[in-house]
PDB file of N, CA and C in Angstrom:
ATOM      1  N   MET A   1      85.502 137.610 113.291  1.00  0.00           N
ATOM      2  CA  MET A   1      85.866 136.597 112.352  1.00  0.00           C
ATOM      3  C   MET A   1      85.627 137.502 111.305  1.00  0.00           C
ATOM      4  N   GLY A   2      86.476 137.272 110.373  1.00  0.00           N
ATOM      5  CA  GLY A   2      86.438 137.684 109.176  1.00  0.00           C
ATOM      6  C   GLY A   2      85.506 137.056 107.941  1.00  0.00           C
ATOM      7  N   LEU A   3      85.118 137.850 106.846  1.00  0.00           N
ATOM      8  CA  LEU A   3      84.124 137.005 106.053  1.00  0.00           C
ATOM      9  C   LEU A   3      85.014 136.040 105.064  1.00  0.00           C
ATOM     10  N   GLY A   4      86.348 135.859 105.135  1.00  0.00           N
ATOM     11  CA  GLY A   4      87.483 135.065 104.667  1.00  0.00           C
ATOM     12  C   GLY A   4      87.380 133.534 105.296  1.00  0.00           C
ATOM     13  N   GLU A   5      87.203 134.118 106.845  1.00  0.00           N
ATOM     14  CA  GLU A   5      86.847 132.578 107.346  1.00  0.00           C
ATOM     15  C   GLU A   5      85.776 132.145 107.328  1.00  0.00           C
ATOM     16  N   LEU A   6      84.891 132.517 107.086  1.00  0.00           N
ATOM     17  CA  LEU A   6      83.425 131.965 106.839  1.00  0.00           C
ATOM     18  C   LEU A   6      83.184 131.052 105.322  1.00  0.00           C
ATOM     19  N   GLY A   7      84.092 131.855 104.729  1.00  0.00           N
ATOM     20  CA  GLY A   7      83.860 131.292 102.796  1.00  0.00           C
ATOM     21  C   GLY A   7      85.268 131.175 102.223  1.00  0.00           C
ATOM     22  N   ALA A   8      84.983 130.672 101.321  1.00  0.00           N
ATOM     23  CA  ALA A   8      86.303 130.693 100.220  1.00  0.00           C
ATOM     24  C   ALA A   8      85.711 131.039  99.037  1.00  0.00           C
ATOM     25  N   ARG A   9      86.299 131.467  98.188  1.00  0.00           N
ATOM     26  CA  ARG A   9      86.479 131.678  96.520  1.00  0.00           C
ATOM     27  C   ARG A   9      87.021 130.493  96.038  1.00  0.00           C
ATOM     28  N   VAL A  10      86.452 129.790  95.273  1.00  0.00           N
ATOM     29  CA  VAL A  10      87.841 128.366  94.947  1.00  0.00           C
ATOM     30  C   VAL A  10      87.374 128.430  93.328  1.00  0.00           C
ATOM     31  N   ARG A  11      88.386 128.340  92.864  1.00  0.00           N
ATOM     32  CA  ARG A  11      88.672 128.139  91.527  1.00  0.00           C
ATOM     33  C   ARG A  11      88.143 126.654  91.230  1.00  0.00           C
ATOM     34  N   LEU A  12      87.573 125.971  90.159  1.00  0.00           N
ATOM     35  CA  LEU A  12      87.290 125.027  90.094  1.00  0.00           C
ATOM     36  C   LEU A  12      88.068 124.197  88.802  1.00  0.00           C
ATOM     37  N   ILE A  13      88.664 122.996  88.827  1.00  0.00           N
ATOM     38  CA  ILE A  13      89.195 122.939  87.420  1.00  0.00           C
ATOM     39  C   ILE A  13      88.626 121.252  87.070  1.00  0.00           C
ATOM     40  N   ASP A  14      88.799 120.521  86.088  1.00  0.00           N
ATOM     41  CA  ASP A  14      88.143 119.171  86.150  1.00  0.00           C
ATOM     42  C   ASP A  14      89.885 118.062  85.990  1.00  0.00           C
ATOM     43  N   SER A  15      89.675 117.003  85.953  1.00  0.00           N
ATOM     44  CA  SER A  15      90.717 116.138  85.743  1.00  0.00           C
ATOM     45  C   SER A  15      91.675 116.413  84.914  1.00  0.00           C
ATOM     46  N   ASP A  16      91.169 117.011  83.550  1.00  0.00           N
ATOM     47  CA  ASP A  16      92.136 117.585  82.464  1.00  0.00           C
ATOM     48  C   ASP A  16      92.868 119.074  82.946  1.00  0.00           C
ATOM     49  N   GLY A  17      92.664 119.681  84.061  1.00  0.00           N
ATOM     50  CA  GLY A  17      93.140 120.902  84.085  1.00  0.00           C
ATOM     51  C   GLY A  17      92.503 121.923  83.729  1.00  0.00           C
ATOM     52  N   ASP A  18      91.361 121.652  83.088  1.00  0.00           N
ATOM     53  CA  ASP A  18      90.600 122.851  82.403  1.00  0.00           C
ATOM     54  C   ASP A  18      89.751 123.573  83.639  1.00  0.00           C
ATOM     55  N   GLU A  19      89.523 124.795  83.297  1.00  0.00           N
ATOM     56  CA  GLU A  19      89.237 125.694  84.738  1.00  0.00           C
ATOM     57  C   GLU A  19      87.602 125.763  83.573  1.00  0.00           C
ATOM     58  N   LEU A  20      86.625 125.193  85.203  1.00  0.00           N
ATOM     59  CA  LEU A  20      85.313 125.606  85.175  1.00  0.00           C
ATOM     60  C   LEU A  20      84.608 126.320  85.480  1.00  0.00           C
ATOM     61  N   GLY A  21      85.213 127.579  86.124  1.00  0.00           N
ATOM     62  CA  GLY A  21      84.501 128.597  87.002  1.00  0.00           C
ATOM     63  C   GLY A  21      84.861 128.871  88.356  1.00  0.00           C
ATOM     64  N   VAL A  22      84.453 129.489  88.978  1.00  0.00           N
ATOM     65  CA  VAL A  22      84.582 129.806  90.741  1.00  0.00           C
ATOM     66  C   VAL A  22      82.969 129.769  90.945  1.00  0.00           C
ATOM     67  N   ALA A  23      83.636 129.371  92.403  1.00  0.00           N
ATOM     68  CA  ALA A  23      82.364 129.006  93.400  1.00  0.00           C
ATOM     69  C   ALA A  23      82.738 129.551  94.666  1.00  0.00           C
ATOM     70  N   HIS A  24      81.894 129.820  95.528  1.00  0.00           N
ATOM     71  CA  HIS A  24      81.884 129.962  96.986  1.00  0.00           C
ATOM     72  C   HIS A  24      81.593 129.175  97.504  1.00  0.00           C
ATOM     73  N   LEU A  25      82.359 128.733  98.543  1.00  0.00           N
ATOM     74  CA  LEU A  25      82.114 127.598  99.318  1.00  0.00           C
ATOM     75  C   LEU A  25      82.714 127.757 100.691  1.00  0.00           C
ATOM     76  N   PRO A  26      81.831 126.938 101.760  1.00  0.00           N
ATOM     77  CA  PRO A  26      81.979 127.322 103.128  1.00  0.00           C
ATOM     78  C   PRO A  26      83.364 126.546 103.445  1.00  0.00           C
ATOM     79  N   ARG A  27      84.169 127.012 104.245  1.00  0.00           N
ATOM     80  CA  ARG A  27      85.425 126.730 104.945  1.00  0.00           C
ATOM     81  C   ARG A  27      85.174 125.647 105.930  1.00  0.00           C
ATOM     82  N   PRO A  28      85.673 124.567 105.903  1.00  0.00           N
ATOM     83  CA  PRO A  28      87.088 124.160 105.228  1.00  0.00           C
ATOM     84  C   PRO A  28      86.508 123.470 104.415  1.00  0.00           C
ATOM     85  N   VAL A  29      87.142 123.741 102.904  1.00  0.00           N
ATOM     86  CA  VAL A  29      86.885 123.097 101.879  1.00  0.00           C
ATOM     87  C   VAL A  29      87.672 121.582 101.563  1.00  0.00           C
ATOM     88  N   VAL A  30      86.795 120.561 101.476  1.00  0.00           N
ATOM     89  CA  VAL A  30      87.657 119.289 101.592  1.00  0.00           C
ATOM     90  C   VAL A  30      87.204 118.441 100.728  1.00  0.00           C
ATOM     91  N   PRO A  31      88.130 116.983 100.142  1.00  0.00           N
ATOM     92  CA  PRO A  31      87.269 115.924  99.500  1.00  0.00           C
ATOM     93  C   PRO A  31      86.012 115.771  99.707  1.00  0.00           C
ATOM     94  N   GLY A  32      84.962 115.378  98.571  1.00  0.00           N
ATOM     95  CA  GLY A  32      83.608 114.960  99.094  1.00  0.00           C
ATOM     96  C   GLY A  32      82.534 116.024  99.224  1.00  0.00           C
ATOM     97  N   ASP A  33      83.236 117.619  99.276  1.00  0.00           N
ATOM     98  CA  ASP A  33      82.089 118.716  99.384  1.00  0.00           C
ATOM     99  C   ASP A  33      81.780 118.743  97.925  1.00  0.00           C
ATOM    100  N   LEU A  34      80.254 119.598  98.201  1.00  0.00           N
ATOM    101  CA  LEU A  34      79.593 119.842  96.720  1.00  0.00           C
ATOM    102  C   LEU A  34      79.537 121.382  96.266  1.00  0.00           C
ATOM    103  N   ALA A  35      79.954 121.458  95.077  1.00  0.00           N
ATOM    104  CA  ALA A  35      80.012 122.855  94.301  1.00  0.00           C
ATOM    105  C   ALA A  35      79.052 122.991  93.309  1.00  0.00           C
ATOM    106  N   ALA A  36      78.758 124.078  92.994  1.00  0.00           N
ATOM    107  CA  ALA A  36      78.011 124.206  92.185  1.00  0.00           C
ATOM    108  C   ALA A  36      78.037 125.749  91.371  1.00  0.00           C
ATOM    109  N   LEU A  37      77.909 125.539  89.961  1.00  0.00           N
ATOM    110  CA  LEU A  37      78.158 126.863  89.357  1.00  0.00           C
ATOM    111  C   LEU A  37      76.772 127.006  88.576  1.00  0.00           C
ATOM    112  N   GLU A  38      76.810 127.965  88.087  1.00  0.00           N
ATOM    113  CA  GLU A  38      75.262 128.773  87.697  1.00  0.00           C
ATOM    114  C   GLU A  38      74.765 127.541  86.678  1.00  0.00           C
ATOM    115  N   GLN A  39      75.315 127.373  85.943  1.00  0.00           N
ATOM    116  CA  GLN A  39      74.556 125.771  85.047  1.00  0.00           C
ATOM    117  C   GLN A  39      75.210 124.837  84.963  1.00  0.00           C
ATOM    118  N   GLY A  40      74.572 123.372  84.723  1.00  0.00           N
ATOM    119  CA  GLY A  40      75.270 122.286  84.754  1.00  0.00           C
ATOM    120  C   GLY A  40      75.129 121.289  86.070  1.00  0.00           C
ATOM    121  N   PHE A  41      75.644 120.062  86.010  1.00  0.00           N
ATOM    122  CA  PHE A  41      75.624 119.090  87.452  1.00  0.00           C
ATOM    123  C   PHE A  41      76.078 119.717  88.511  1.00  0.00           C
ATOM    124  N   PRO A  42      75.765 119.508  89.539  1.00  0.00           N
ATOM    125  CA  PRO A  42      76.545 119.686  90.880  1.00  0.00           C
ATOM    126  C   PRO A  42      78.197 118.936  90.696  1.00  0.00           C
ATOM    127  N   LEU A  43      78.765 119.644  91.111  1.00  0.00           N
ATOM    128  CA  LEU A  43      80.443 118.851  91.368  1.00  0.00           C
ATOM    129  C   LEU A  43      80.973 118.465  92.380  1.00  0.00           C
ATOM    130  N   ARG A  44      81.201 117.386  92.414  1.00  0.00           N
ATOM    131  CA  ARG A  44      81.912 116.934  93.643  1.00  0.00           C
ATOM    132  C   ARG A  44      83.206 117.118  94.072  1.00  0.00           C
ATOM    133  N   VAL A  45      84.151 118.066  94.850  1.00  0.00           N
ATOM    134  CA  VAL A  45      85.344 118.107  95.134  1.00  0.00           C
ATOM    135  C   VAL A  45      85.980 116.694  95.228  1.00  0.00           C
ATOM    136  N   VAL A  46      86.922 116.696  94.077  1.00  0.00           N
ATOM    137  CA  VAL A  46      87.916 115.178  94.759  1.00  0.00           C
ATOM    138  C   VAL A  46      89.217 115.735  95.140  1.00  0.00           C
ATOM    139  N   GLY A  47      90.001 116.995  95.177  1.00  0.00           N
ATOM    140  CA  GLY A  47      91.058 117.396  95.792  1.00  0.00           C
ATOM    141  C   GLY A  47      91.356 118.977  95.860  1.00  0.00           C
ATOM    142  N   VAL A  48      91.737 118.988  96.864  1.00  0.00           N
ATOM    143  CA  VAL A  48      92.157 120.762  97.270  1.00  0.00           C
ATOM    144  C   VAL A  48      93.808 121.235  97.077  1.00  0.00           C
ATOM    145  N   ILE A  49      93.787 122.231  96.825  1.00  0.00           N
ATOM    146  CA  ILE A  49      95.186 122.770  96.908  1.00  0.00           C
ATOM    147  C   ILE A  49      95.203 124.299  97.818  1.00  0.00           C
ATOM    148  N   GLU A  50      95.814 124.500  98.437  1.00  0.00           N
ATOM    149  CA  GLU A  50      95.928 125.708  98.876  1.00  0.00           C
ATOM    150  C   GLU A  50      97.148 126.334  98.833  1.00  0.00           C
ATOM    151  N   LEU A  51      96.486 127.959  98.000  1.00  0.00           N
ATOM    152  CA  LEU A  51      98.263 128.526  97.446  1.00  0.00           C
ATOM    153  C   LEU A  51      98.096 129.879  98.325  1.00  0.00           C
ATOM    154  N   GLU A  52      99.368 130.526  98.619  1.00  0.00           N
ATOM    155  CA  GLU A  52      99.341 131.491  99.371  1.00  0.00           C
ATOM    156  C   GLU A  52      99.526 132.415  98.301  1.00  0.00           C
ATOM    157  N   VAL A  53      99.229 133.547  97.976  1.00  0.00           N
ATOM    158  CA  VAL A  53      98.936 134.725  96.717  1.00  0.00           C
ATOM    159  C   VAL A  53      99.438 135.863  97.223  1.00  0.00           C
ATOM    160  N   ALA A  54     100.182 136.788  97.360  1.00  0.00           N
ATOM    161  CA  ALA A  54     100.170 138.320  97.717  1.00  0.00           C
ATOM    162  C   ALA A  54      99.748 138.557  99.133  1.00  0.00           C
ATOM    163  N   GLY A  55      99.898 137.239 100.024  1.00  0.00           N
ATOM    164  CA  GLY A  55      99.483 137.513 101.408  1.00  0.00           C
ATOM    165  C   GLY A  55      98.233 137.261 101.207  1.00  0.00           C
ATOM    166  N   ALA A  56      97.510 136.482 100.521  1.00  0.00           N
ATOM    167  CA  ALA A  56      95.888 136.013 100.363  1.00  0.00           C
ATOM    168  C   ALA A  56      96.262 134.286  99.825  1.00  0.00           C
ATOM    169  N   THR A  57      95.026 133.919 100.545  1.00  0.00           N
ATOM    170  CA  THR A  57      95.015 132.493 100.763  1.00  0.00           C
ATOM    171  C   THR A  57      93.968 132.049  99.514  1.00  0.00           C
ATOM    172  N   ALA A  58      94.192 131.337  98.253  1.00  0.00           N
ATOM    173  CA  ALA A  58      93.631 130.959  97.330  1.00  0.00           C
ATOM    174  C   ALA A  58      93.787 129.275  97.470  1.00  0.00           C
ATOM    175  N   LEU A  59      92.189 128.981  96.882  1.00  0.00           N
ATOM    176  CA  LEU A  59      91.491 127.902  96.826  1.00  0.00           C
ATOM    177  C   LEU A  59      91.678 127.273  95.513  1.00  0.00           C
ATOM    178  N   LEU A  60      92.235 126.217  94.880  1.00  0.00           N
ATOM    179  CA  LEU A  60      92.028 125.056  93.719  1.00  0.00           C
ATOM    180  C   LEU A  60      91.465 124.172  93.587  1.00  0.00           C
ATOM    181  N   ALA A  61      90.170 124.103  93.148  1.00  0.00           N
ATOM    182  CA  ALA A  61      89.913 122.475  93.958  1.00  0.00           C
ATOM    183  C   ALA A  61      89.570 121.451  92.616  1.00  0.00           C
ATOM    184  N   GLU A  62      89.962 120.469  92.463  1.00  0.00           N
ATOM    185  CA  GLU A  62      89.425 119.381  91.204  1.00  0.00           C
ATOM    186  C   GLU A  62      88.524 118.863  91.483  1.00  0.00           C
ATOM    187  N   VAL A  63      87.686 118.921  90.938  1.00  0.00           N
ATOM    188  CA  VAL A  63      86.311 118.433  90.793  1.00  0.00           C
ATOM    189  C   VAL A  63      85.648 117.841  89.756  1.00  0.00           C
ATOM    190  N   GLU A  64      84.686 116.973  89.952  1.00  0.00           N
ATOM    191  CA  GLU A  64      84.037 115.870  88.971  1.00  0.00           C
ATOM    192  C   GLU A  64      82.180 116.095  88.897  1.00  0.00           C
ATOM    193  N   ALA A  65      81.984 115.729  88.039  1.00  0.00           N
ATOM    194  CA  ALA A  65      80.159 115.898  87.712  1.00  0.00           C
ATOM    195  C   ALA A  65      80.173 114.691  89.019  1.00  0.00           C
ATOM    196  N   ALA A  66      78.721 115.851  89.692  1.00  0.00           N
ATOM    197  CA  ALA A  66      78.163 114.510  90.218  1.00  0.00           C
ATOM    198  C   ALA A  66      76.495 114.577  90.344  1.00  0.00           C
ATOM    199  N   PRO A  67      76.010 114.106  89.570  1.00  0.00           N
ATOM    200  CA  PRO A  67      74.614 114.355  89.390  1.00  0.00           C
ATOM    201  C   PRO A  67      73.958 113.561  90.215  1.00  0.00           C
ATOM    202  N   ILE A  68      72.980 114.141  89.966  1.00  0.00           N
ATOM    203  CA  ILE A  68      71.585 113.581  91.624  1.00  0.00           C
ATOM    204  C   ILE A  68      70.386 113.194  90.796  1.00  0.00           C
ATOM    205  N   CYS A  69      69.869 111.924  91.298  1.00  0.00           N
ATOM    206  CA  CYS A  69      68.922 111.267  90.676  1.00  0.00           C
ATOM    207  C   CYS A  69      67.586 112.264  91.208  1.00  0.00           C
ATOM    208  N   LEU A  70      66.617 112.614  90.978  1.00  0.00           N
ATOM    209  CA  LEU A  70      65.177 112.726  91.467  1.00  0.00           C
ATOM    210  C   LEU A  70      64.443 112.119  91.097  1.00  0.00           C
ATOM    211  N   ALA A  71      63.806 111.011  92.396  1.00  0.00           N
ATOM    212  CA  ALA A  71      62.452 110.353  92.265  1.00  0.00           C
ATOM    213  C   ALA A  71      61.433 111.246  92.070  1.00  0.00           C
ATOM    214  N   GLY A  72      60.627 110.912  91.387  1.00  0.00           N
ATOM    215  CA  GLY A  72      59.263 111.463  91.507  1.00  0.00           C
ATOM    216  C   GLY A  72      57.879 111.069  91.989  1.00  0.00           C
TER     217      GLY A  72
END
């Protein structure tokens, strides 16, 4: 099993098509998964596009903010 089968480097975009950054997520990446960048709210995957680029698989995921509430 190769490292590419364990996790995916996923480019995250919002609903306007703006790039938010890159996250590393466990495979398979599916709608409903949570992603996080170094700063900001957690993000929820709402759609995934798998692309074949130069013989390698690349993932593009549309995400939306998934704020969490912490009870104290």
